[in-house]
Every structure is written in C-alpha cells, then in structure tokens.
Amino acid sequence: QLVVAGGGLVQVGGSLRLSCAASEPTFNTYTMGWFRQAPGKERE
C-alpha cells in the first residue's frame, strides 16, 4: 500500500515536496517511480 502526500497549489517558480509512504517492510527491494497525468493527457 502506497500513501501519497504533499500536493497542493503553488505559484510559478515555487516548490513542493511529495512523499509516498509504503506499508511494506521490504520497501528497500522495490524500485519506485512517480508518474503524472495532466487533464486530457495520458499518464507519463
């Protein structure tokens, strides 16, 4: 199970940090990735 946090509204030039916490104790064996999907576009 992956729980994501940290999104929000920010102005151009600003910063945000997203986090993703895993329930699995063997987390260190998983390659992790971030994807995004903009309106009307495919997830990338």
PDB file of all heavy atoms in Angstrom:
ATOM      1  N   GLN A   1       0.853  -1.189   0.000  1.00  0.00           N
ATOM      2  CA  GLN A   1       0.000   0.000   0.000  1.00  0.00           C
ATOM      3  C   GLN A   1       0.885   1.234   0.000  1.00  0.00           C
ATOM      4  O   GLN A   1       1.862   1.314   0.754  1.00  0.00           O
ATOM      5  CB  GLN A   1      -0.913   0.003   1.212  1.00  0.00           C
ATOM      6  CG  GLN A   1      -1.963  -1.100   1.171  1.00  0.00           C
ATOM      7  CD  GLN A   1      -2.958  -1.019   2.305  1.00  0.00           C
ATOM      8  OE1 GLN A   1      -2.630  -0.542   3.381  1.00  0.00           O
ATOM      9  NE2 GLN A   1      -4.167  -1.472   2.068  1.00  0.00           N
ATOM     10  N   LEU A   2       0.535   2.182  -0.868  1.00  0.00           N
ATOM     11  CA  LEU A   2       1.316   3.406  -1.018  1.00  0.00           C
ATOM     12  C   LEU A   2       0.424   4.593  -0.705  1.00  0.00           C
ATOM     13  O   LEU A   2      -0.654   4.731  -1.286  1.00  0.00           O
ATOM     14  CB  LEU A   2       1.868   3.519  -2.440  1.00  0.00           C
ATOM     15  CG  LEU A   2       2.715   2.346  -2.926  1.00  0.00           C
ATOM     16  CD1 LEU A   2       3.048   2.499  -4.409  1.00  0.00           C
ATOM     17  CD2 LEU A   2       3.998   2.236  -2.120  1.00  0.00           C
ATOM     18  N   VAL A   3       0.876   5.435   0.185  1.00  0.00           N
ATOM     19  CA  VAL A   3       0.087   6.602   0.585  1.00  0.00           C
ATOM     20  C   VAL A   3       0.868   7.858   0.216  1.00  0.00           C
ATOM     21  O   VAL A   3       1.976   8.084   0.704  1.00  0.00           O
ATOM     22  CB  VAL A   3      -0.206   6.585   2.094  1.00  0.00           C
ATOM     23  CG1 VAL A   3      -0.980   7.836   2.488  1.00  0.00           C
ATOM     24  CG2 VAL A   3      -0.984   5.326   2.468  1.00  0.00           C
ATOM     25  N   VAL A   4       0.244   8.657  -0.625  1.00  0.00           N
ATOM     26  CA  VAL A   4       0.886   9.856  -1.172  1.00  0.00           C
ATOM     27  C   VAL A   4       0.417  11.091  -0.416  1.00  0.00           C
ATOM     28  O   VAL A   4      -0.759  11.201  -0.057  1.00  0.00           O
ATOM     29  CB  VAL A   4       0.549   9.995  -2.673  1.00  0.00           C
ATOM     30  CG1 VAL A   4       1.180  11.261  -3.242  1.00  0.00           C
ATOM     31  CG2 VAL A   4       1.028   8.773  -3.430  1.00  0.00           C
ATOM     32  N   ALA A   5       1.342  12.003  -0.203  1.00  0.00           N
ATOM     33  CA  ALA A   5       1.006  13.262   0.457  1.00  0.00           C
ATOM     34  C   ALA A   5       1.850  14.376  -0.134  1.00  0.00           C
ATOM     35  O   ALA A   5       2.904  14.136  -0.724  1.00  0.00           O
ATOM     36  CB  ALA A   5       1.249  13.151   1.951  1.00  0.00           C
ATOM     37  N   GLY A   6       1.376  15.610   0.023  1.00  0.00           N
ATOM     38  CA  GLY A   6       2.200  16.763  -0.310  1.00  0.00           C
ATOM     39  C   GLY A   6       1.769  17.595  -1.494  1.00  0.00           C
ATOM     40  O   GLY A   6       2.424  18.580  -1.814  1.00  0.00           O
ATOM     41  N   GLY A   7       0.702  17.230  -2.160  1.00  0.00           N
ATOM     42  CA  GLY A   7       0.259  18.045  -3.288  1.00  0.00           C
ATOM     43  C   GLY A   7      -0.341  19.362  -2.814  1.00  0.00           C
ATOM     44  O   GLY A   7      -0.454  19.627  -1.615  1.00  0.00           O
ATOM     45  N   GLY A   8      -0.699  20.190  -3.781  1.00  0.00           N
ATOM     46  CA  GLY A   8      -1.323  21.459  -3.428  1.00  0.00           C
ATOM     47  C   GLY A   8      -1.211  22.480  -4.531  1.00  0.00           C
ATOM     48  O   GLY A   8      -0.866  22.151  -5.673  1.00  0.00           O
ATOM     49  N   LEU A   9      -1.485  23.720  -4.161  1.00  0.00           N
ATOM     50  CA  LEU A   9      -1.444  24.842  -5.088  1.00  0.00           C
ATOM     51  C   LEU A   9      -0.193  25.668  -4.824  1.00  0.00           C
ATOM     52  O   LEU A   9       0.103  26.008  -3.667  1.00  0.00           O
ATOM     53  CB  LEU A   9      -2.695  25.701  -4.903  1.00  0.00           C
ATOM     54  CG  LEU A   9      -2.782  27.002  -5.704  1.00  0.00           C
ATOM     55  CD1 LEU A   9      -2.854  26.700  -7.193  1.00  0.00           C
ATOM     56  CD2 LEU A   9      -4.006  27.813  -5.249  1.00  0.00           C
ATOM     57  N   VAL A  10       0.527  25.972  -5.876  1.00  0.00           N
ATOM     58  CA  VAL A  10       1.765  26.739  -5.731  1.00  0.00           C
ATOM     59  C   VAL A  10       1.888  27.680  -6.921  1.00  0.00           C
ATOM     60  O   VAL A  10       1.361  27.402  -8.003  1.00  0.00           O
ATOM     61  CB  VAL A  10       2.978  25.792  -5.630  1.00  0.00           C
ATOM     62  CG1 VAL A  10       3.163  25.010  -6.918  1.00  0.00           C
ATOM     63  CG2 VAL A  10       4.239  26.526  -5.243  1.00  0.00           C
ATOM     64  N   GLN A  11       2.559  28.783  -6.710  1.00  0.00           N
ATOM     65  CA  GLN A  11       2.761  29.733  -7.801  1.00  0.00           C
ATOM     66  C   GLN A  11       3.943  29.318  -8.674  1.00  0.00           C
ATOM     67  O   GLN A  11       4.815  28.551  -8.253  1.00  0.00           O
ATOM     68  CB  GLN A  11       2.999  31.131  -7.238  1.00  0.00           C
ATOM     69  CG  GLN A  11       1.769  31.739  -6.579  1.00  0.00           C
ATOM     70  CD  GLN A  11       1.965  33.192  -6.212  1.00  0.00           C
ATOM     71  OE1 GLN A  11       3.078  33.623  -5.935  1.00  0.00           O
ATOM     72  NE2 GLN A  11       0.880  33.958  -6.211  1.00  0.00           N
ATOM     73  N   VAL A  12       3.952  29.842  -9.872  1.00  0.00           N
ATOM     74  CA  VAL A  12       5.059  29.572 -10.791  1.00  0.00           C
ATOM     75  C   VAL A  12       6.388  29.914 -10.115  1.00  0.00           C
ATOM     76  O   VAL A  12       6.519  30.948  -9.461  1.00  0.00           O
ATOM     77  CB  VAL A  12       4.893  30.398 -12.081  1.00  0.00           C
ATOM     78  CG1 VAL A  12       6.162  30.351 -12.919  1.00  0.00           C
ATOM     79  CG2 VAL A  12       3.718  29.898 -12.894  1.00  0.00           C
ATOM     80  N   GLY A  13       7.332  29.003 -10.267  1.00  0.00           N
ATOM     81  CA  GLY A  13       8.642  29.195  -9.664  1.00  0.00           C
ATOM     82  C   GLY A  13       8.758  28.656  -8.260  1.00  0.00           C
ATOM     83  O   GLY A  13       9.865  28.605  -7.704  1.00  0.00           O
ATOM     84  N   GLY A  14       7.653  28.236  -7.703  1.00  0.00           N
ATOM     85  CA  GLY A  14       7.653  27.714  -6.347  1.00  0.00           C
ATOM     86  C   GLY A  14       8.090  26.266  -6.267  1.00  0.00           C
ATOM     87  O   GLY A  14       8.473  25.655  -7.276  1.00  0.00           O
ATOM     88  N   SER A  15       8.020  25.726  -5.057  1.00  0.00           N
ATOM     89  CA  SER A  15       8.462  24.360  -4.799  1.00  0.00           C
ATOM     90  C   SER A  15       7.420  23.587  -4.012  1.00  0.00           C
ATOM     91  O   SER A  15       6.648  24.172  -3.246  1.00  0.00           O
ATOM     92  CB  SER A  15       9.773  24.369  -4.002  1.00  0.00           C
ATOM     93  OG  SER A  15      10.809  24.998  -4.719  1.00  0.00           O
ATOM     94  N   LEU A  16       7.429  22.297  -4.217  1.00  0.00           N
ATOM     95  CA  LEU A  16       6.608  21.374  -3.446  1.00  0.00           C
ATOM     96  C   LEU A  16       7.407  20.093  -3.261  1.00  0.00           C
ATOM     97  O   LEU A  16       8.233  19.745  -4.118  1.00  0.00           O
ATOM     98  CB  LEU A  16       5.298  21.033  -4.156  1.00  0.00           C
ATOM     99  CG  LEU A  16       4.116  21.999  -4.075  1.00  0.00           C
ATOM    100  CD1 LEU A  16       2.979  21.487  -4.954  1.00  0.00           C
ATOM    101  CD2 LEU A  16       3.653  22.182  -2.655  1.00  0.00           C
ATOM    102  N   ARG A  17       7.129  19.385  -2.182  1.00  0.00           N
ATOM    103  CA  ARG A  17       7.719  18.064  -1.995  1.00  0.00           C
ATOM    104  C   ARG A  17       6.608  17.054  -1.781  1.00  0.00           C
ATOM    105  O   ARG A  17       5.790  17.205  -0.864  1.00  0.00           O
ATOM    106  CB  ARG A  17       8.687  18.022  -0.818  1.00  0.00           C
ATOM    107  CG  ARG A  17       9.449  16.702  -0.762  1.00  0.00           C
ATOM    108  CD  ARG A  17      10.492  16.651   0.324  1.00  0.00           C
ATOM    109  NE  ARG A  17       9.936  16.363   1.638  1.00  0.00           N
ATOM    110  CZ  ARG A  17      10.606  15.824   2.637  1.00  0.00           C
ATOM    111  NH1 ARG A  17      11.890  15.504   2.482  1.00  0.00           N
ATOM    112  NH2 ARG A  17      10.037  15.614   3.811  1.00  0.00           N
ATOM    113  N   LEU A  18       6.592  16.056  -2.635  1.00  0.00           N
ATOM    114  CA  LEU A  18       5.659  14.947  -2.492  1.00  0.00           C
ATOM    115  C   LEU A  18       6.337  13.817  -1.731  1.00  0.00           C
ATOM    116  O   LEU A  18       7.549  13.601  -1.877  1.00  0.00           O
ATOM    117  CB  LEU A  18       5.197  14.447  -3.851  1.00  0.00           C
ATOM    118  CG  LEU A  18       4.595  15.478  -4.805  1.00  0.00           C
ATOM    119  CD1 LEU A  18       4.145  14.784  -6.098  1.00  0.00           C
ATOM    120  CD2 LEU A  18       3.459  16.229  -4.166  1.00  0.00           C
ATOM    121  N   SER A  19       5.552  13.098  -0.968  1.00  0.00           N
ATOM    122  CA  SER A  19       6.068  11.909  -0.294  1.00  0.00           C
ATOM    123  C   SER A  19       5.143  10.741  -0.554  1.00  0.00           C
ATOM    124  O   SER A  19       3.947  10.918  -0.818  1.00  0.00           O
ATOM    125  CB  SER A  19       6.208  12.149   1.215  1.00  0.00           C
ATOM    126  OG  SER A  19       4.942  12.365   1.800  1.00  0.00           O
ATOM    127  N   CYS A  20       5.709   9.570  -0.497  1.00  0.00           N
ATOM    128  CA  CYS A  20       4.952   8.334  -0.725  1.00  0.00           C
ATOM    129  C   CYS A  20       5.448   7.312   0.284  1.00  0.00           C
ATOM    130  O   CYS A  20       6.591   6.857   0.200  1.00  0.00           O
ATOM    131  CB  CYS A  20       5.172   7.855  -2.156  1.00  0.00           C
ATOM    132  SG  CYS A  20       4.460   6.239  -2.522  1.00  0.00           S
ATOM    133  N   ALA A  21       4.590   6.977   1.226  1.00  0.00           N
ATOM    134  CA  ALA A  21       4.954   6.032   2.276  1.00  0.00           C
ATOM    135  C   ALA A  21       4.404   4.658   1.940  1.00  0.00           C
ATOM    136  O   ALA A  21       3.230   4.511   1.590  1.00  0.00           O
ATOM    137  CB  ALA A  21       4.396   6.513   3.617  1.00  0.00           C
ATOM    138  N   ALA A  22       5.262   3.659   2.073  1.00  0.00           N
ATOM    139  CA  ALA A  22       4.886   2.285   1.748  1.00  0.00           C
ATOM    140  C   ALA A  22       4.649   1.482   3.007  1.00  0.00           C
ATOM    141  O   ALA A  22       5.327   1.674   4.020  1.00  0.00           O
ATOM    142  CB  ALA A  22       5.978   1.626   0.910  1.00  0.00           C
ATOM    143  N   SER A  23       3.693   0.569   2.906  1.00  0.00           N
ATOM    144  CA  SER A  23       3.362  -0.267   4.051  1.00  0.00           C
ATOM    145  C   SER A  23       4.304  -1.466   4.174  1.00  0.00           C
ATOM    146  O   SER A  23       4.349  -2.121   5.201  1.00  0.00           O
ATOM    147  CB  SER A  23       1.925  -0.783   3.929  1.00  0.00           C
ATOM    148  OG  SER A  23       1.789  -1.571   2.750  1.00  0.00           O
ATOM    149  N   GLU A  24       5.021  -1.731   3.094  1.00  0.00           N
ATOM    150  CA  GLU A  24       5.813  -2.949   3.002  1.00  0.00           C
ATOM    151  C   GLU A  24       7.160  -2.779   3.707  1.00  0.00           C
ATOM    152  O   GLU A  24       7.951  -1.903   3.353  1.00  0.00           O
ATOM    153  CB  GLU A  24       6.036  -3.282   1.523  1.00  0.00           C
ATOM    154  CG  GLU A  24       6.872  -4.497   1.273  1.00  0.00           C
ATOM    155  CD  GLU A  24       6.294  -5.751   1.921  1.00  0.00           C
ATOM    156  OE1 GLU A  24       5.094  -6.008   1.758  1.00  0.00           O
ATOM    157  OE2 GLU A  24       7.062  -6.454   2.588  1.00  0.00           O
ATOM    158  N   PRO A  25       7.485  -3.654   4.663  1.00  0.00           N
ATOM    159  CA  PRO A  25       8.764  -3.521   5.373  1.00  0.00           C
ATOM    160  C   PRO A  25       9.978  -3.821   4.496  1.00  0.00           C
ATOM    161  O   PRO A  25      11.096  -3.427   4.839  1.00  0.00           O
ATOM    162  CB  PRO A  25       8.650  -4.528   6.527  1.00  0.00           C
ATOM    163  CG  PRO A  25       7.583  -5.472   6.115  1.00  0.00           C
ATOM    164  CD  PRO A  25       6.637  -4.695   5.264  1.00  0.00           C
ATOM    165  N   THR A  26       9.745  -4.512   3.378  1.00  0.00           N
ATOM    166  CA  THR A  26      10.850  -4.767   2.447  1.00  0.00           C
ATOM    167  C   THR A  26      10.874  -3.717   1.346  1.00  0.00           C
ATOM    168  O   THR A  26      11.213  -3.996   0.199  1.00  0.00           O
ATOM    169  CB  THR A  26      10.746  -6.165   1.839  1.00  0.00           C
ATOM    170  OG1 THR A  26       9.471  -6.289   1.183  1.00  0.00           O
ATOM    171  CG2 THR A  26      10.889  -7.232   2.895  1.00  0.00           C
ATOM    172  N   PHE A  27      10.517  -2.505   1.712  1.00  0.00           N
ATOM    173  CA  PHE A  27      10.485  -1.372   0.783  1.00  0.00           C
ATOM    174  C   PHE A  27      11.786  -1.235   0.022  1.00  0.00           C
ATOM    175  O   PHE A  27      11.796  -0.835  -1.144  1.00  0.00           O
ATOM    176  CB  PHE A  27      10.193  -0.103   1.591  1.00  0.00           C
ATOM    177  CG  PHE A  27      10.309   1.177   0.818  1.00  0.00           C
ATOM    178  CD1 PHE A  27       9.290   1.586  -0.036  1.00  0.00           C
ATOM    179  CD2 PHE A  27      11.429   1.996   0.952  1.00  0.00           C
ATOM    180  CE1 PHE A  27       9.383   2.780  -0.736  1.00  0.00           C
ATOM    181  CE2 PHE A  27      11.527   3.190   0.258  1.00  0.00           C
ATOM    182  CZ  PHE A  27      10.501   3.581  -0.593  1.00  0.00           C
ATOM    183  N   ASN A  28      12.895  -1.584   0.662  1.00  0.00           N
ATOM    184  CA  ASN A  28      14.195  -1.384   0.030  1.00  0.00           C
ATOM    185  C   ASN A  28      14.465  -2.346  -1.117  1.00  0.00           C
ATOM    186  O   ASN A  28      15.532  -2.312  -1.723  1.00  0.00           O
ATOM    187  CB  ASN A  28      15.314  -1.454   1.064  1.00  0.00           C
ATOM    188  CG  ASN A  28      15.391  -2.801   1.745  1.00  0.00           C
ATOM    189  OD1 ASN A  28      14.514  -3.646   1.586  1.00  0.00           O
ATOM    190  ND2 ASN A  28      16.433  -3.015   2.521  1.00  0.00           N
ATOM    191  N   THR A  29      13.510  -3.195  -1.432  1.00  0.00           N
ATOM    192  CA  THR A  29      13.651  -4.093  -2.577  1.00  0.00           C
ATOM    193  C   THR A  29      12.821  -3.641  -3.779  1.00  0.00           C
ATOM    194  O   THR A  29      12.853  -4.279  -4.833  1.00  0.00           O
ATOM    195  CB  THR A  29      13.233  -5.526  -2.214  1.00  0.00           C
ATOM    196  OG1 THR A  29      11.823  -5.550  -1.960  1.00  0.00           O
ATOM    197  CG2 THR A  29      13.988  -6.022  -0.993  1.00  0.00           C
ATOM    198  N   TYR A  30      12.086  -2.534  -3.618  1.00  0.00           N
ATOM    199  CA  TYR A  30      11.191  -2.065  -4.671  1.00  0.00           C
ATOM    200  C   TYR A  30      11.772  -0.847  -5.390  1.00  0.00           C
ATOM    201  O   TYR A  30      12.129   0.145  -4.746  1.00  0.00           O
ATOM    202  CB  TYR A  30       9.826  -1.676  -4.096  1.00  0.00           C
ATOM    203  CG  TYR A  30       9.035  -2.831  -3.527  1.00  0.00           C
ATOM    204  CD1 TYR A  30       9.309  -3.324  -2.258  1.00  0.00           C
ATOM    205  CD2 TYR A  30       8.029  -3.426  -4.264  1.00  0.00           C
ATOM    206  CE1 TYR A  30       8.598  -4.394  -1.735  1.00  0.00           C
ATOM    207  CE2 TYR A  30       7.309  -4.491  -3.757  1.00  0.00           C
ATOM    208  CZ  TYR A  30       7.597  -4.968  -2.494  1.00  0.00           C
ATOM    209  OH  TYR A  30       6.903  -6.028  -1.997  1.00  0.00           O
ATOM    210  N   THR A  31      11.836  -0.905  -6.702  1.00  0.00           N
ATOM    211  CA  THR A  31      12.102   0.298  -7.474  1.00  0.00           C
ATOM    212  C   THR A  31      10.831   1.146  -7.448  1.00  0.00           C
ATOM    213  O   THR A  31       9.732   0.628  -7.640  1.00  0.00           O
ATOM    214  CB  THR A  31      12.494  -0.045  -8.921  1.00  0.00           C
ATOM    215  OG1 THR A  31      13.769  -0.698  -8.906  1.00  0.00           O
ATOM    216  CG2 THR A  31      12.563   1.192  -9.790  1.00  0.00           C
ATOM    217  N   MET A  32      11.011   2.442  -7.200  1.00  0.00           N
ATOM    218  CA  MET A  32       9.877   3.336  -7.037  1.00  0.00           C
ATOM    219  C   MET A  32       9.835   4.367  -8.161  1.00  0.00           C
ATOM    220  O   MET A  32      10.871   4.741  -8.713  1.00  0.00           O
ATOM    221  CB  MET A  32       9.977   4.076  -5.701  1.00  0.00           C
ATOM    222  CG  MET A  32      10.042   3.173  -4.487  1.00  0.00           C
ATOM    223  SD  MET A  32       8.569   2.167  -4.286  1.00  0.00           S
ATOM    224  CE  MET A  32       7.332   3.440  -3.980  1.00  0.00           C
ATOM    225  N   GLY A  33       8.642   4.815  -8.453  1.00  0.00           N
ATOM    226  CA  GLY A  33       8.504   5.810  -9.509  1.00  0.00           C
ATOM    227  C   GLY A  33       7.411   6.814  -9.214  1.00  0.00           C
ATOM    228  O   GLY A  33       6.508   6.547  -8.415  1.00  0.00           O
ATOM    229  N   TRP A  34       7.543   7.958  -9.841  1.00  0.00           N
ATOM    230  CA  TRP A  34       6.496   8.984  -9.831  1.00  0.00           C
ATOM    231  C   TRP A  34       6.012   9.165 -11.263  1.00  0.00           C
ATOM    232  O   TRP A  34       6.831   9.284 -12.192  1.00  0.00           O
ATOM    233  CB  TRP A  34       7.022  10.310  -9.299  1.00  0.00           C
ATOM    234  CG  TRP A  34       7.277  10.324  -7.819  1.00  0.00           C
ATOM    235  CD1 TRP A  34       8.477  10.127  -7.194  1.00  0.00           C
ATOM    236  CD2 TRP A  34       6.318  10.548  -6.789  1.00  0.00           C
ATOM    237  NE1 TRP A  34       8.320  10.204  -5.834  1.00  0.00           N
ATOM    238  CE2 TRP A  34       6.998  10.472  -5.553  1.00  0.00           C
ATOM    239  CE3 TRP A  34       4.947  10.807  -6.784  1.00  0.00           C
ATOM    240  CZ2 TRP A  34       6.362  10.640  -4.328  1.00  0.00           C
ATOM    241  CZ3 TRP A  34       4.315  10.978  -5.558  1.00  0.00           C
ATOM    242  CH2 TRP A  34       5.021  10.893  -4.355  1.00  0.00           C
ATOM    243  N   PHE A  35       4.695   9.196 -11.420  1.00  0.00           N
ATOM    244  CA  PHE A  35       4.051   9.448 -12.694  1.00  0.00           C
ATOM    245  C   PHE A  35       3.122  10.648 -12.516  1.00  0.00           C
ATOM    246  O   PHE A  35       2.774  11.015 -11.400  1.00  0.00           O
ATOM    247  CB  PHE A  35       3.233   8.233 -13.133  1.00  0.00           C
ATOM    248  CG  PHE A  35       4.055   7.059 -13.569  1.00  0.00           C
ATOM    249  CD1 PHE A  35       4.751   6.288 -12.649  1.00  0.00           C
ATOM    250  CD2 PHE A  35       4.128   6.707 -14.908  1.00  0.00           C
ATOM    251  CE1 PHE A  35       5.510   5.200 -13.056  1.00  0.00           C
ATOM    252  CE2 PHE A  35       4.879   5.612 -15.321  1.00  0.00           C
ATOM    253  CZ  PHE A  35       5.565   4.868 -14.391  1.00  0.00           C
ATOM    254  N   ARG A  36       2.703  11.216 -13.631  1.00  0.00           N
ATOM    255  CA  ARG A  36       1.723  12.296 -13.542  1.00  0.00           C
ATOM    256  C   ARG A  36       0.777  12.241 -14.731  1.00  0.00           C
ATOM    257  O   ARG A  36       1.124  11.722 -15.790  1.00  0.00           O
ATOM    258  CB  ARG A  36       2.404  13.659 -13.473  1.00  0.00           C
ATOM    259  CG  ARG A  36       3.118  14.091 -14.736  1.00  0.00           C
ATOM    260  CD  ARG A  36       3.856  15.412 -14.509  1.00  0.00           C
ATOM    261  NE  ARG A  36       4.532  15.887 -15.709  1.00  0.00           N
ATOM    262  CZ  ARG A  36       5.332  16.944 -15.749  1.00  0.00           C
ATOM    263  NH1 ARG A  36       5.564  17.638 -14.631  1.00  0.00           N
ATOM    264  NH2 ARG A  36       5.898  17.314 -16.887  1.00  0.00           N
ATOM    265  N   GLN A  37      -0.405  12.774 -14.515  1.00  0.00           N
ATOM    266  CA  GLN A  37      -1.401  12.841 -15.576  1.00  0.00           C
ATOM    267  C   GLN A  37      -2.053  14.205 -15.568  1.00  0.00           C
ATOM    268  O   GLN A  37      -2.729  14.579 -14.597  1.00  0.00           O
ATOM    269  CB  GLN A  37      -2.456  11.743 -15.408  1.00  0.00           C
ATOM    270  CG  GLN A  37      -3.425  11.671 -16.572  1.00  0.00           C
ATOM    271  CD  GLN A  37      -4.271  10.420 -16.544  1.00  0.00           C
ATOM    272  OE1 GLN A  37      -4.451   9.784 -15.514  1.00  0.00           O
ATOM    273  NE2 GLN A  37      -4.794  10.036 -17.696  1.00  0.00           N
ATOM    274  N   ALA A  38      -1.826  14.934 -16.635  1.00  0.00           N
ATOM    275  CA  ALA A  38      -2.439  16.249 -16.799  1.00  0.00           C
ATOM    276  C   ALA A  38      -3.807  16.091 -17.451  1.00  0.00           C
ATOM    277  O   ALA A  38      -4.061  15.074 -18.118  1.00  0.00           O
ATOM    278  CB  ALA A  38      -1.535  17.132 -17.651  1.00  0.00           C
ATOM    279  N   PRO A  39      -4.679  17.069 -17.289  1.00  0.00           N
ATOM    280  CA  PRO A  39      -6.016  16.970 -17.887  1.00  0.00           C
ATOM    281  C   PRO A  39      -5.940  16.752 -19.389  1.00  0.00           C
ATOM    282  O   PRO A  39      -5.211  17.448 -20.101  1.00  0.00           O
ATOM    283  CB  PRO A  39      -6.640  18.330 -17.563  1.00  0.00           C
ATOM    284  CG  PRO A  39      -5.927  18.793 -16.343  1.00  0.00           C
ATOM    285  CD  PRO A  39      -4.524  18.288 -16.484  1.00  0.00           C
ATOM    286  N   GLY A  40      -6.665  15.753 -19.852  1.00  0.00           N
ATOM    287  CA  GLY A  40      -6.717  15.470 -21.278  1.00  0.00           C
ATOM    288  C   GLY A  40      -5.499  14.776 -21.841  1.00  0.00           C
ATOM    289  O   GLY A  40      -5.398  14.591 -23.057  1.00  0.00           O
ATOM    290  N   LYS A  41      -4.578  14.393 -20.972  1.00  0.00           N
ATOM    291  CA  LYS A  41      -3.353  13.734 -21.445  1.00  0.00           C
ATOM    292  C   LYS A  41      -3.199  12.366 -20.809  1.00  0.00           C
ATOM    293  O   LYS A  41      -3.815  12.055 -19.792  1.00  0.00           O
ATOM    294  CB  LYS A  41      -2.135  14.601 -21.132  1.00  0.00           C
ATOM    295  CG  LYS A  41      -2.112  15.928 -21.873  1.00  0.00           C
ATOM    296  CD  LYS A  41      -0.802  16.654 -21.662  1.00  0.00           C
ATOM    297  CE  LYS A  41      -0.739  17.939 -22.465  1.00  0.00           C
ATOM    298  NZ  LYS A  41       0.550  18.643 -22.288  1.00  0.00           N
ATOM    299  N   GLU A  42      -2.329  11.560 -21.406  1.00  0.00           N
ATOM    300  CA  GLU A  42      -2.038  10.255 -20.837  1.00  0.00           C
ATOM    301  C   GLU A  42      -1.086  10.400 -19.651  1.00  0.00           C
ATOM    302  O   GLU A  42      -0.323  11.359 -19.557  1.00  0.00           O
ATOM    303  CB  GLU A  42      -1.414   9.346 -21.902  1.00  0.00           C
ATOM    304  CG  GLU A  42      -2.358   8.998 -23.031  1.00  0.00           C
ATOM    305  CD  GLU A  42      -1.758   7.977 -23.979  1.00  0.00           C
ATOM    306  OE1 GLU A  42      -0.561   7.667 -23.850  1.00  0.00           O
ATOM    307  OE2 GLU A  42      -2.500   7.495 -24.855  1.00  0.00           O
ATOM    308  N   ARG A  43      -1.138   9.409 -18.797  1.00  0.00           N
ATOM    309  CA  ARG A  43      -0.213   9.395 -17.661  1.00  0.00           C
ATOM    310  C   ARG A  43       1.212   9.172 -18.188  1.00  0.00           C
ATOM    311  O   ARG A  43       1.422   8.348 -19.092  1.00  0.00           O
ATOM    312  CB  ARG A  43      -0.614   8.311 -16.671  1.00  0.00           C
ATOM    313  CG  ARG A  43       0.143   8.381 -15.377  1.00  0.00           C
ATOM    314  CD  ARG A  43      -0.625   7.740 -14.216  1.00  0.00           C
ATOM    315  NE  ARG A  43      -1.003   6.379 -14.469  1.00  0.00           N
ATOM    316  CZ  ARG A  43      -1.741   5.658 -13.597  1.00  0.00           C
ATOM    317  NH1 ARG A  43      -2.143   6.202 -12.465  1.00  0.00           N
ATOM    318  NH2 ARG A  43      -2.045   4.413 -13.881  1.00  0.00           N
ATOM    319  N   GLU A  44       2.149   9.895 -17.611  1.00  0.00           N
ATOM    320  CA  GLU A  44       3.520   9.824 -18.088  1.00  0.00           C
ATOM    321  C   GLU A  44       4.476   9.653 -16.913  1.00  0.00           C
ATOM    322  O   GLU A  44       4.188  10.114 -15.798  1.00  0.00           O
ATOM    323  CB  GLU A  44       3.893  11.101 -18.852  1.00  0.00           C
ATOM    324  CG  GLU A  44       3.812  12.371 -18.032  1.00  0.00           C
ATOM    325  CD  GLU A  44       4.198  13.615 -18.803  1.00  0.00           C
ATOM    326  OE1 GLU A  44       4.435  13.526 -20.023  1.00  0.00           O
ATOM    327  OE2 GLU A  44       4.262  14.695 -18.192  1.00  0.00           O
TER     328      GLU A  44
END
